[in-house]
Full PDB file with SEQRES, HELIX, SHEET, SSBOND, CRYST1, ORIGX, SCALE, CONECT and MASTER records, all heavy atoms in Angstrom:
SEQRES   1 A   33  PRO ALA GLY ALA PRO GLY ASP PHE VAL TYR ALA ALA GLU          
SEQRES   2 A   33  ALA THR THR PRO THR VAL VAL HIS ILE LYS SER THR MET          
SEQRES   3 A   33  THR GLN THR ARG GLY SER GLY                                  
HELIX    1 AA1 PHE A    8  THR A   15  1                                   8    
HELIX    2 AA2 THR A   16  THR A   18  5                                   3    
CRYST1    1.000    1.000    1.000  90.00  90.00  90.00 P 1           1          
ORIGX1      1.000000  0.000000  0.000000        0.00000                         
ORIGX2      0.000000  1.000000  0.000000        0.00000                         
ORIGX3      0.000000  0.000000  1.000000        0.00000                         
SCALE1      1.000000  0.000000  0.000000        0.00000                         
SCALE2      0.000000  1.000000  0.000000        0.00000                         
SCALE3      0.000000  0.000000  1.000000        0.00000                         
ATOM      1  N   PRO A   1      52.317  32.730  14.636  1.00  0.00           N  
ATOM      2  CA  PRO A   1      53.555  32.599  15.418  1.00  0.00           C  
ATOM      3  C   PRO A   1      54.247  31.287  15.114  1.00  0.00           C  
ATOM      4  O   PRO A   1      53.607  30.311  14.727  1.00  0.00           O  
ATOM      5  CB  PRO A   1      53.044  32.657  16.865  1.00  0.00           C  
ATOM      6  CG  PRO A   1      51.725  33.352  16.792  1.00  0.00           C  
ATOM      7  CD  PRO A   1      51.142  32.971  15.475  1.00  0.00           C  
ATOM      8  N   ALA A   2      55.516  31.238  15.315  1.00  0.00           N  
ATOM      9  CA  ALA A   2      56.291  30.041  15.007  1.00  0.00           C  
ATOM     10  C   ALA A   2      55.711  28.827  15.716  1.00  0.00           C  
ATOM     11  O   ALA A   2      55.468  28.846  16.916  1.00  0.00           O  
ATOM     12  CB  ALA A   2      57.748  30.246  15.408  1.00  0.00           C  
ATOM     13  N   GLY A   3      55.489  27.771  14.937  1.00  0.00           N  
ATOM     14  CA  GLY A   3      54.986  26.527  15.496  1.00  0.00           C  
ATOM     15  C   GLY A   3      53.489  26.481  15.686  1.00  0.00           C  
ATOM     16  O   GLY A   3      52.946  25.427  15.981  1.00  0.00           O  
ATOM     17  N   ALA A   4      52.781  27.633  15.549  1.00  0.00           N  
ATOM     18  CA  ALA A   4      51.335  27.638  15.747  1.00  0.00           C  
ATOM     19  C   ALA A   4      50.627  27.091  14.516  1.00  0.00           C  
ATOM     20  O   ALA A   4      50.910  27.504  13.405  1.00  0.00           O  
ATOM     21  CB  ALA A   4      50.859  29.064  16.039  1.00  0.00           C  
ATOM     22  N   PRO A   5      49.696  26.155  14.681  1.00  0.00           N  
ATOM     23  CA  PRO A   5      49.043  25.549  13.529  1.00  0.00           C  
ATOM     24  C   PRO A   5      47.941  26.386  12.936  1.00  0.00           C  
ATOM     25  O   PRO A   5      47.469  26.112  11.849  1.00  0.00           O  
ATOM     26  CB  PRO A   5      48.473  24.245  14.110  1.00  0.00           C  
ATOM     27  CG  PRO A   5      48.187  24.574  15.525  1.00  0.00           C  
ATOM     28  CD  PRO A   5      49.293  25.515  15.937  1.00  0.00           C  
ATOM     29  N   GLY A   6      47.477  27.440  13.616  1.00  0.00           N  
ATOM     30  CA  GLY A   6      46.328  28.192  13.142  1.00  0.00           C  
ATOM     31  C   GLY A   6      45.064  27.664  13.795  1.00  0.00           C  
ATOM     32  O   GLY A   6      45.096  26.762  14.618  1.00  0.00           O  
ATOM     33  N   ASP A   7      43.916  28.248  13.394  1.00  0.00           N  
ATOM     34  CA  ASP A   7      42.663  27.913  14.052  1.00  0.00           C  
ATOM     35  C   ASP A   7      41.906  26.860  13.256  1.00  0.00           C  
ATOM     36  O   ASP A   7      41.119  27.165  12.362  1.00  0.00           O  
ATOM     37  CB  ASP A   7      41.809  29.180  14.202  1.00  0.00           C  
ATOM     38  CG  ASP A   7      40.647  28.955  15.151  1.00  0.00           C  
ATOM     39  OD1 ASP A   7      40.352  27.792  15.451  1.00  0.00           O  
ATOM     40  OD2 ASP A   7      40.033  29.953  15.569  1.00  0.00           O  
ATOM     41  N   PHE A   8      42.117  25.587  13.557  1.00  0.00           N  
ATOM     42  CA  PHE A   8      41.426  24.497  12.877  1.00  0.00           C  
ATOM     43  C   PHE A   8      39.935  24.502  13.197  1.00  0.00           C  
ATOM     44  O   PHE A   8      39.109  24.123  12.365  1.00  0.00           O  
ATOM     45  CB  PHE A   8      42.034  23.150  13.286  1.00  0.00           C  
ATOM     46  CG  PHE A   8      43.446  22.962  12.831  1.00  0.00           C  
ATOM     47  CD1 PHE A   8      44.478  22.909  13.751  1.00  0.00           C  
ATOM     48  CD2 PHE A   8      43.752  22.842  11.483  1.00  0.00           C  
ATOM     49  CE1 PHE A   8      45.788  22.739  13.337  1.00  0.00           C  
ATOM     50  CE2 PHE A   8      45.055  22.666  11.065  1.00  0.00           C  
ATOM     51  CZ  PHE A   8      46.085  22.621  11.994  1.00  0.00           C  
ATOM     52  N   VAL A   9      39.574  24.907  14.414  1.00  0.00           N  
ATOM     53  CA  VAL A   9      38.171  24.918  14.824  1.00  0.00           C  
ATOM     54  C   VAL A   9      37.373  25.862  13.940  1.00  0.00           C  
ATOM     55  O   VAL A   9      36.278  25.527  13.464  1.00  0.00           O  
ATOM     56  CB  VAL A   9      38.030  25.326  16.304  1.00  0.00           C  
ATOM     57  CG1 VAL A   9      36.558  25.466  16.693  1.00  0.00           C  
ATOM     58  CG2 VAL A   9      38.713  24.305  17.199  1.00  0.00           C  
ATOM     59  N   TYR A  10      37.933  27.052  13.693  1.00  0.00           N  
ATOM     60  CA  TYR A  10      37.241  28.013  12.834  1.00  0.00           C  
ATOM     61  C   TYR A  10      37.036  27.445  11.439  1.00  0.00           C  
ATOM     62  O   TYR A  10      35.944  27.520  10.870  1.00  0.00           O  
ATOM     63  CB  TYR A  10      38.026  29.327  12.748  1.00  0.00           C  
ATOM     64  CG  TYR A  10      37.343  30.355  11.870  1.00  0.00           C  
ATOM     65  CD1 TYR A  10      36.440  31.246  12.406  1.00  0.00           C  
ATOM     66  CD2 TYR A  10      37.598  30.404  10.500  1.00  0.00           C  
ATOM     67  CE1 TYR A  10      35.789  32.171  11.609  1.00  0.00           C  
ATOM     68  CE2 TYR A  10      36.955  31.324   9.685  1.00  0.00           C  
ATOM     69  CZ  TYR A  10      36.049  32.208  10.249  1.00  0.00           C  
ATOM     70  OH  TYR A  10      35.404  33.113   9.438  1.00  0.00           O  
ATOM     71  N   ALA A  11      38.079  26.874  10.875  1.00  0.00           N  
ATOM     72  CA  ALA A  11      37.990  26.323   9.521  1.00  0.00           C  
ATOM     73  C   ALA A  11      36.946  25.212   9.446  1.00  0.00           C  
ATOM     74  O   ALA A  11      36.161  25.146   8.498  1.00  0.00           O  
ATOM     75  CB  ALA A  11      39.353  25.798   9.079  1.00  0.00           C  
ATOM     76  N   ALA A  12      36.927  24.342  10.444  1.00  0.00           N  
ATOM     77  CA  ALA A  12      35.972  23.233  10.442  1.00  0.00           C  
ATOM     78  C   ALA A  12      34.541  23.727  10.565  1.00  0.00           C  
ATOM     79  O   ALA A  12      33.642  23.274   9.844  1.00  0.00           O  
ATOM     80  CB  ALA A  12      36.302  22.266  11.575  1.00  0.00           C  
ATOM     81  N   GLU A  13      34.310  24.680  11.496  1.00  0.00           N  
ATOM     82  CA  GLU A  13      32.948  25.170  11.705  1.00  0.00           C  
ATOM     83  C   GLU A  13      32.448  25.986  10.520  1.00  0.00           C  
ATOM     84  O   GLU A  13      31.249  25.983  10.214  1.00  0.00           O  
ATOM     85  CB  GLU A  13      32.893  25.996  12.995  1.00  0.00           C  
ATOM     86  CG  GLU A  13      33.070  25.153  14.256  1.00  0.00           C  
ATOM     87  CD  GLU A  13      32.904  25.960  15.530  1.00  0.00           C  
ATOM     88  OE1 GLU A  13      32.823  27.206  15.440  1.00  0.00           O  
ATOM     89  OE2 GLU A  13      32.859  25.341  16.608  1.00  0.00           O  
ATOM     90  N   ALA A  14      33.350  26.678   9.845  1.00  0.00           N  
ATOM     91  CA  ALA A  14      32.951  27.454   8.675  1.00  0.00           C  
ATOM     92  C   ALA A  14      32.672  26.562   7.476  1.00  0.00           C  
ATOM     93  O   ALA A  14      31.879  26.903   6.608  1.00  0.00           O  
ATOM     94  CB  ALA A  14      34.047  28.462   8.329  1.00  0.00           C  
ATOM     95  N   THR A  15      33.304  25.397   7.459  1.00  0.00           N  
ATOM     96  CA  THR A  15      33.264  24.540   6.278  1.00  0.00           C  
ATOM     97  C   THR A  15      32.121  23.546   6.279  1.00  0.00           C  
ATOM     98  O   THR A  15      31.436  23.366   5.269  1.00  0.00           O  
ATOM     99  CB  THR A  15      34.600  23.779   6.160  1.00  0.00           C  
ATOM    100  OG1 THR A  15      35.651  24.712   5.992  1.00  0.00           O  
ATOM    101  CG2 THR A  15      34.584  22.816   4.997  1.00  0.00           C  
ATOM    102  N   THR A  16      31.893  22.862   7.393  1.00  0.00           N  
ATOM    103  CA  THR A  16      30.977  21.714   7.397  1.00  0.00           C  
ATOM    104  C   THR A  16      29.551  22.026   6.947  1.00  0.00           C  
ATOM    105  O   THR A  16      28.916  21.154   6.331  1.00  0.00           O  
ATOM    106  CB  THR A  16      30.944  21.051   8.787  1.00  0.00           C  
ATOM    107  OG1 THR A  16      30.716  22.054   9.791  1.00  0.00           O  
ATOM    108  CG2 THR A  16      32.252  20.345   9.075  1.00  0.00           C  
ATOM    109  N   PRO A  17      28.971  23.216   7.188  1.00  0.00           N  
ATOM    110  CA  PRO A  17      27.593  23.440   6.728  1.00  0.00           C  
ATOM    111  C   PRO A  17      27.438  23.404   5.202  1.00  0.00           C  
ATOM    112  O   PRO A  17      26.326  23.195   4.709  1.00  0.00           O  
ATOM    113  CB  PRO A  17      27.264  24.836   7.277  1.00  0.00           C  
ATOM    114  CG  PRO A  17      28.172  25.013   8.441  1.00  0.00           C  
ATOM    115  CD  PRO A  17      29.445  24.332   8.035  1.00  0.00           C  
ATOM    116  N   THR A  18      28.511  23.591   4.469  1.00  0.00           N  
ATOM    117  CA  THR A  18      28.410  23.627   3.007  1.00  0.00           C  
ATOM    118  C   THR A  18      28.771  22.303   2.358  1.00  0.00           C  
ATOM    119  O   THR A  18      28.804  22.187   1.143  1.00  0.00           O  
ATOM    120  CB  THR A  18      29.331  24.727   2.435  1.00  0.00           C  
ATOM    121  OG1 THR A  18      30.681  24.371   2.657  1.00  0.00           O  
ATOM    122  CG2 THR A  18      29.043  26.066   3.055  1.00  0.00           C  
ATOM    123  N   VAL A  19      29.040  21.311   3.185  1.00  0.00           N  
ATOM    124  CA  VAL A  19      29.408  19.991   2.696  1.00  0.00           C  
ATOM    125  C   VAL A  19      28.149  19.150   2.477  1.00  0.00           C  
ATOM    126  O   VAL A  19      27.262  19.135   3.318  1.00  0.00           O  
ATOM    127  CB  VAL A  19      30.328  19.293   3.716  1.00  0.00           C  
ATOM    128  CG1 VAL A  19      30.516  17.830   3.355  1.00  0.00           C  
ATOM    129  CG2 VAL A  19      31.642  20.005   3.819  1.00  0.00           C  
ATOM    130  N   VAL A  20      28.091  18.424   1.372  1.00  0.00           N  
ATOM    131  CA  VAL A  20      26.972  17.525   1.128  1.00  0.00           C  
ATOM    132  C   VAL A  20      27.475  16.125   0.832  1.00  0.00           C  
ATOM    133  O   VAL A  20      28.609  15.935   0.392  1.00  0.00           O  
ATOM    134  CB  VAL A  20      26.086  18.000  -0.047  1.00  0.00           C  
ATOM    135  CG1 VAL A  20      25.550  19.396   0.221  1.00  0.00           C  
ATOM    136  CG2 VAL A  20      26.850  17.964  -1.369  1.00  0.00           C  
ATOM    137  N   HIS A  21      26.621  15.172   1.107  1.00  0.00           N  
ATOM    138  CA  HIS A  21      26.875  13.779   0.744  1.00  0.00           C  
ATOM    139  C   HIS A  21      26.088  13.481  -0.531  1.00  0.00           C  
ATOM    140  O   HIS A  21      24.920  13.860  -0.658  1.00  0.00           O  
ATOM    141  CB  HIS A  21      26.426  12.857   1.871  1.00  0.00           C  
ATOM    142  CG  HIS A  21      26.610  11.400   1.576  1.00  0.00           C  
ATOM    143  ND1 HIS A  21      25.618  10.620   1.022  1.00  0.00           N  
ATOM    144  CD2 HIS A  21      27.674  10.577   1.754  1.00  0.00           C  
ATOM    145  CE1 HIS A  21      26.059   9.382   0.873  1.00  0.00           C  
ATOM    146  NE2 HIS A  21      27.296   9.327   1.310  1.00  0.00           N  
ATOM    147  N   ILE A  22      26.721  12.833  -1.500  1.00  0.00           N  
ATOM    148  CA  ILE A  22      26.072  12.516  -2.774  1.00  0.00           C  
ATOM    149  C   ILE A  22      25.982  11.003  -2.927  1.00  0.00           C  
ATOM    150  O   ILE A  22      27.000  10.304  -2.851  1.00  0.00           O  
ATOM    151  CB  ILE A  22      26.852  13.112  -3.961  1.00  0.00           C  
ATOM    152  CG1 ILE A  22      26.928  14.634  -3.845  1.00  0.00           C  
ATOM    153  CG2 ILE A  22      26.195  12.727  -5.285  1.00  0.00           C  
ATOM    154  CD1 ILE A  22      27.835  15.288  -4.889  1.00  0.00           C  
ATOM    155  N   LYS A  23      24.762  10.519  -3.120  1.00  0.00           N  
ATOM    156  CA  LYS A  23      24.560   9.097  -3.402  1.00  0.00           C  
ATOM    157  C   LYS A  23      24.116   8.958  -4.851  1.00  0.00           C  
ATOM    158  O   LYS A  23      23.135   9.578  -5.267  1.00  0.00           O  
ATOM    159  CB  LYS A  23      23.515   8.485  -2.472  1.00  0.00           C  
ATOM    160  CG  LYS A  23      23.322   6.981  -2.689  1.00  0.00           C  
ATOM    161  CD  LYS A  23      22.339   6.381  -1.711  1.00  0.00           C  
ATOM    162  CE  LYS A  23      20.908   6.753  -2.065  1.00  0.00           C  
ATOM    163  NZ  LYS A  23      19.923   6.040  -1.194  1.00  0.00           N  
ATOM    164  N   SER A  24      24.847   8.169  -5.613  1.00  0.00           N  
ATOM    165  CA  SER A  24      24.493   7.955  -7.016  1.00  0.00           C  
ATOM    166  C   SER A  24      24.012   6.528  -7.202  1.00  0.00           C  
ATOM    167  O   SER A  24      24.586   5.584  -6.646  1.00  0.00           O  
ATOM    168  CB  SER A  24      25.693   8.230  -7.929  1.00  0.00           C  
ATOM    169  OG  SER A  24      26.756   7.348  -7.651  1.00  0.00           O  
ATOM    170  N   THR A  25      22.948   6.394  -7.967  1.00  0.00           N  
ATOM    171  CA  THR A  25      22.396   5.080  -8.290  1.00  0.00           C  
ATOM    172  C   THR A  25      22.589   4.836  -9.771  1.00  0.00           C  
ATOM    173  O   THR A  25      22.289   5.702 -10.599  1.00  0.00           O  
ATOM    174  CB  THR A  25      20.900   5.021  -7.940  1.00  0.00           C  
ATOM    175  OG1 THR A  25      20.724   5.332  -6.566  1.00  0.00           O  
ATOM    176  CG2 THR A  25      20.346   3.633  -8.210  1.00  0.00           C  
ATOM    177  N   MET A  26      23.101   3.670 -10.110  1.00  0.00           N  
ATOM    178  CA  MET A  26      23.364   3.331 -11.492  1.00  0.00           C  
ATOM    179  C   MET A  26      22.997   1.888 -11.737  1.00  0.00           C  
ATOM    180  O   MET A  26      22.739   1.120 -10.806  1.00  0.00           O  
ATOM    181  CB  MET A  26      24.842   3.572 -11.835  1.00  0.00           C  
ATOM    182  CG  MET A  26      25.807   2.700 -11.054  1.00  0.00           C  
ATOM    183  SD  MET A  26      27.522   3.247 -11.180  1.00  0.00           S  
ATOM    184  CE  MET A  26      27.482   4.704 -10.137  1.00  0.00           C  
ATOM    185  N   THR A  27      22.966   1.517 -13.009  1.00  0.00           N  
ATOM    186  CA  THR A  27      22.736   0.127 -13.381  1.00  0.00           C  
ATOM    187  C   THR A  27      24.065  -0.518 -13.680  1.00  0.00           C  
ATOM    188  O   THR A  27      24.842  -0.012 -14.480  1.00  0.00           O  
ATOM    189  CB  THR A  27      21.828   0.027 -14.620  1.00  0.00           C  
ATOM    190  OG1 THR A  27      20.558   0.592 -14.296  1.00  0.00           O  
ATOM    191  CG2 THR A  27      21.639  -1.421 -15.031  1.00  0.00           C  
ATOM    192  N   GLN A  28      24.339  -1.617 -13.016  1.00  0.00           N  
ATOM    193  CA  GLN A  28      25.602  -2.322 -13.191  1.00  0.00           C  
ATOM    194  C   GLN A  28      25.325  -3.712 -13.742  1.00  0.00           C  
ATOM    195  O   GLN A  28      24.534  -4.463 -13.189  1.00  0.00           O  
ATOM    196  CB  GLN A  28      26.337  -2.443 -11.849  1.00  0.00           C  
ATOM    197  CG  GLN A  28      27.682  -3.141 -11.938  1.00  0.00           C  
ATOM    198  CD  GLN A  28      28.710  -2.272 -12.609  1.00  0.00           C  
ATOM    199  OE1 GLN A  28      28.589  -1.063 -12.629  1.00  0.00           O  
ATOM    200  NE2 GLN A  28      29.737  -2.876 -13.171  1.00  0.00           N  
ATOM    201  N   THR A  29      25.943  -4.044 -14.879  1.00  0.00           N  
ATOM    202  CA  THR A  29      25.785  -5.367 -15.459  1.00  0.00           C  
ATOM    203  C   THR A  29      26.914  -6.257 -14.983  1.00  0.00           C  
ATOM    204  O   THR A  29      28.083  -5.948 -15.179  1.00  0.00           O  
ATOM    205  CB  THR A  29      25.799  -5.301 -16.998  1.00  0.00           C  
ATOM    206  OG1 THR A  29      24.764  -4.422 -17.425  1.00  0.00           O  
ATOM    207  CG2 THR A  29      25.583  -6.674 -17.594  1.00  0.00           C  
ATOM    208  N   ARG A  30      26.547  -7.378 -14.384  1.00  0.00           N  
ATOM    209  CA  ARG A  30      27.554  -8.325 -13.897  1.00  0.00           C  
ATOM    210  C   ARG A  30      27.706  -9.429 -14.921  1.00  0.00           C  
ATOM    211  O   ARG A  30      26.782 -10.209 -15.160  1.00  0.00           O  
ATOM    212  CB  ARG A  30      27.121  -8.921 -12.556  1.00  0.00           C  
ATOM    213  CG  ARG A  30      28.139  -9.890 -11.972  1.00  0.00           C  
ATOM    214  CD  ARG A  30      29.348  -9.156 -11.422  1.00  0.00           C  
ATOM    215  NE  ARG A  30      30.334 -10.089 -10.926  1.00  0.00           N  
ATOM    216  CZ  ARG A  30      31.437  -9.722 -10.289  1.00  0.00           C  
ATOM    217  NH1 ARG A  30      31.703  -8.463 -10.081  1.00  0.00           N  
ATOM    218  NH2 ARG A  30      32.301 -10.621  -9.869  1.00  0.00           N  
ATOM    219  N   GLY A  31      28.839  -9.502 -15.561  1.00  0.00           N  
ATOM    220  CA  GLY A  31      29.042 -10.492 -16.608  1.00  0.00           C  
ATOM    221  C   GLY A  31      29.793 -11.703 -16.114  1.00  0.00           C  
ATOM    222  O   GLY A  31      30.016 -11.890 -14.931  1.00  0.00           O  
ATOM    223  N   SER A  32      30.221 -12.525 -17.051  1.00  0.00           N  
ATOM    224  CA  SER A  32      30.857 -13.798 -16.702  1.00  0.00           C  
ATOM    225  C   SER A  32      32.360 -13.701 -16.745  1.00  0.00           C  
ATOM    226  O   SER A  32      33.038 -14.519 -17.337  1.00  0.00           O  
ATOM    227  CB  SER A  32      30.383 -14.876 -17.673  1.00  0.00           C  
ATOM    228  OG  SER A  32      30.656 -14.486 -19.010  1.00  0.00           O  
ATOM    229  N   GLY A  33      32.923 -12.650 -16.140  1.00  0.00           N  
ATOM    230  CA  GLY A  33      34.376 -12.572 -16.043  1.00  0.00           C  
ATOM    231  C   GLY A  33      34.945 -11.283 -16.590  1.00  0.00           C  
ATOM    232  O   GLY A  33      35.790 -10.656 -15.974  1.00  0.00           O  
TER     233      GLY A  33                                                      
MASTER        0    0    0    2    0    0    0    6  232    1    0    3          
END                                                                             
């Protein structure tokens, strides 16, 4: 309907279980500039 944003709650609840956090570990060389 005009002006209705849709169902954000449904989208959020359907989406969040498939979301993952990724932590990457790397070697970083700190040089002199």
